[in-house]
Amino acid sequence: MIQGGFRGDGIPVVPLIVGWKSGVQEIIAMLDTGFSGELKVPPEVKKELGLVTTHIQPTLLANNQIEQSEAALAYASLEGATEEVTVLITPGFPAIGSGLLRRLNFALAINFRKNIVTLEKLGDS
């Protein structure tokens, strides 16, 4: 089980491990259930990990506009579950999308009263 919390602005966050050719690092990422992709990281993380742009991906934003985003591959790991994932390179705080939680088979629980975010790895069923 992975426990996280909330940033000062009330956004839920959890730690995860991200790696590629130039290294591995633990990052704190917000949980963005409105993001159907897997992972977003800022250009600084792309540079630190040596991520290589593989393609440009159209991304539908919350304001209904489409933005063209760089995309790369990286390994993401949550509680020992590791997969090669598509990473969008966008400015701002790193974000875990619902696609990554689904792919790695995690359930998300948020206790707003206690300011606790929990990710629990589910069985293979």
Protein backbone atom coordinates (compact mmCIF):
# COMPACT_ATOMS: atom_id res chain seq x y z
CA MET A 1 0.00 0.00 0.00
CA ILE A 2 1.25 3.48 -0.87
CA GLN A 3 0.27 6.45 1.25
CA GLY A 4 0.37 10.02 0.13
CA GLY A 5 -1.14 13.26 1.25
CA PHE A 6 -2.09 16.69 0.00
CA ARG A 7 -0.06 19.63 -1.22
CA GLY A 8 -0.70 22.98 0.44
CA ASP A 9 -3.22 23.82 -2.28
CA GLY A 10 -5.31 20.69 -1.52
CA ILE A 11 -4.14 18.55 -4.45
CA PRO A 12 -3.62 14.83 -3.63
CA VAL A 13 -0.06 13.55 -4.20
CA VAL A 14 1.83 10.25 -3.92
CA PRO A 15 5.43 9.16 -4.48
CA LEU A 16 6.50 7.00 -7.40
CA ILE A 17 9.75 5.87 -8.98
CA VAL A 18 10.52 6.93 -12.56
CA GLY A 19 13.57 5.88 -14.51
CA TRP A 20 15.22 5.74 -17.90
CA LYS A 21 18.72 5.77 -19.39
CA SER A 22 20.26 8.52 -17.28
CA GLY A 23 18.93 7.44 -13.93
CA VAL A 24 16.13 6.69 -11.55
CA GLN A 25 14.43 9.06 -9.15
CA GLU A 26 11.54 9.18 -6.76
CA ILE A 27 9.16 11.97 -7.61
CA ILE A 28 6.05 13.26 -5.93
CA ALA A 29 3.19 13.40 -8.41
CA MET A 30 -0.36 14.66 -8.14
CA LEU A 31 -3.19 12.24 -8.81
CA ASP A 32 -5.15 13.56 -11.76
CA THR A 33 -8.18 11.34 -12.35
CA GLY A 34 -9.23 13.67 -15.17
CA PHE A 35 -6.04 12.73 -17.03
CA SER A 36 -6.67 9.45 -18.86
CA GLY A 37 -3.00 9.03 -19.80
CA GLU A 38 -0.29 7.44 -17.72
CA LEU A 39 2.22 10.02 -16.54
CA LYS A 40 3.17 13.67 -17.07
CA VAL A 41 6.53 15.16 -16.07
CA PRO A 42 8.07 18.60 -16.63
CA PRO A 43 10.97 19.19 -19.04
CA GLU A 44 13.45 19.28 -16.13
CA VAL A 45 12.66 15.65 -15.25
CA LYS A 46 12.89 14.69 -18.92
CA LYS A 47 16.42 16.11 -19.01
CA GLU A 48 17.50 14.57 -15.67
CA LEU A 49 16.35 11.08 -16.71
CA GLY A 50 17.54 11.31 -20.31
CA LEU A 51 14.06 10.77 -21.75
CA VAL A 52 13.94 10.90 -25.55
CA THR A 53 10.92 12.28 -27.38
CA THR A 54 9.33 9.46 -29.38
CA HIS A 55 6.39 11.38 -30.83
CA ILE A 56 4.10 14.38 -30.49
CA GLN A 57 0.74 13.54 -28.96
CA PRO A 58 -2.44 15.62 -29.15
CA THR A 59 -3.84 16.15 -25.66
CA LEU A 60 -7.37 17.32 -24.87
CA LEU A 61 -7.25 19.82 -22.00
CA ALA A 62 -9.96 20.50 -19.43
CA ASN A 63 -10.88 23.72 -21.30
CA ASN A 64 -11.63 21.63 -24.44
CA GLN A 65 -8.55 22.88 -26.29
CA ILE A 66 -6.11 20.47 -27.89
CA GLU A 67 -2.42 20.88 -27.10
CA GLN A 68 0.43 19.12 -28.88
CA SER A 69 2.68 17.54 -26.24
CA GLU A 70 6.04 15.80 -26.50
CA ALA A 71 5.84 12.16 -25.45
CA ALA A 72 8.58 9.76 -24.34
CA LEU A 73 8.96 6.34 -22.78
CA ALA A 74 10.06 5.68 -19.20
CA TYR A 75 9.71 3.07 -16.51
CA ALA A 76 7.29 3.85 -13.72
CA SER A 77 7.14 1.87 -10.51
CA LEU A 78 4.56 1.87 -7.73
CA GLU A 79 4.99 -0.62 -4.88
CA GLY A 80 7.16 -2.90 -6.99
CA ALA A 81 4.80 -2.92 -9.98
CA THR A 82 6.95 -1.60 -12.85
CA GLU A 83 5.93 -0.93 -16.44
CA GLU A 84 7.26 0.94 -19.43
CA VAL A 85 4.83 3.83 -19.83
CA THR A 86 4.14 6.77 -22.11
CA VAL A 87 5.14 10.03 -20.48
CA LEU A 88 3.88 13.41 -21.63
CA ILE A 89 6.37 16.22 -21.23
CA THR A 90 4.53 19.32 -20.03
CA PRO A 91 5.46 22.19 -17.75
CA GLY A 92 4.17 22.04 -14.20
CA PHE A 93 3.90 19.54 -11.41
CA PRO A 94 4.26 15.80 -12.30
CA ALA A 95 0.94 13.95 -12.59
CA ILE A 96 -0.20 10.34 -12.48
CA GLY A 97 -3.19 9.68 -14.72
CA SER A 98 -5.95 7.12 -14.39
CA GLY A 99 -4.33 5.15 -17.24
CA LEU A 100 -1.31 4.31 -15.07
CA LEU A 101 -3.44 3.34 -12.07
CA ARG A 102 -5.56 1.10 -14.30
CA ARG A 103 -2.55 -0.45 -16.03
CA LEU A 104 -0.76 -1.22 -12.76
CA ASN A 105 -4.05 -2.38 -11.17
CA PHE A 106 -4.32 0.05 -8.25
CA ALA A 107 -7.34 1.22 -6.29
CA LEU A 108 -7.37 4.83 -5.11
CA ALA A 109 -8.89 5.96 -1.81
CA ILE A 110 -8.90 9.52 -0.51
CA ASN A 111 -9.75 10.40 3.08
CA PHE A 112 -10.32 14.14 2.93
CA ARG A 113 -10.93 14.48 6.64
CA LYS A 114 -7.56 12.94 7.56
CA ASN A 115 -5.73 14.24 4.45
CA ILE A 116 -4.60 10.73 3.49
CA VAL A 117 -4.32 9.35 -0.04
CA THR A 118 -3.95 5.58 -0.40
CA LEU A 119 -3.08 3.49 -3.44
CA GLU A 120 -3.62 -0.23 -2.97
CA LYS A 121 -2.38 -2.87 -5.41
CA LEU A 122 -5.24 -5.19 -6.35
CA GLY A 123 -5.03 -8.88 -7.19
CA ASP A 124 -4.81 -10.08 -10.78
CA SER A 125 -8.56 -10.59 -11.17
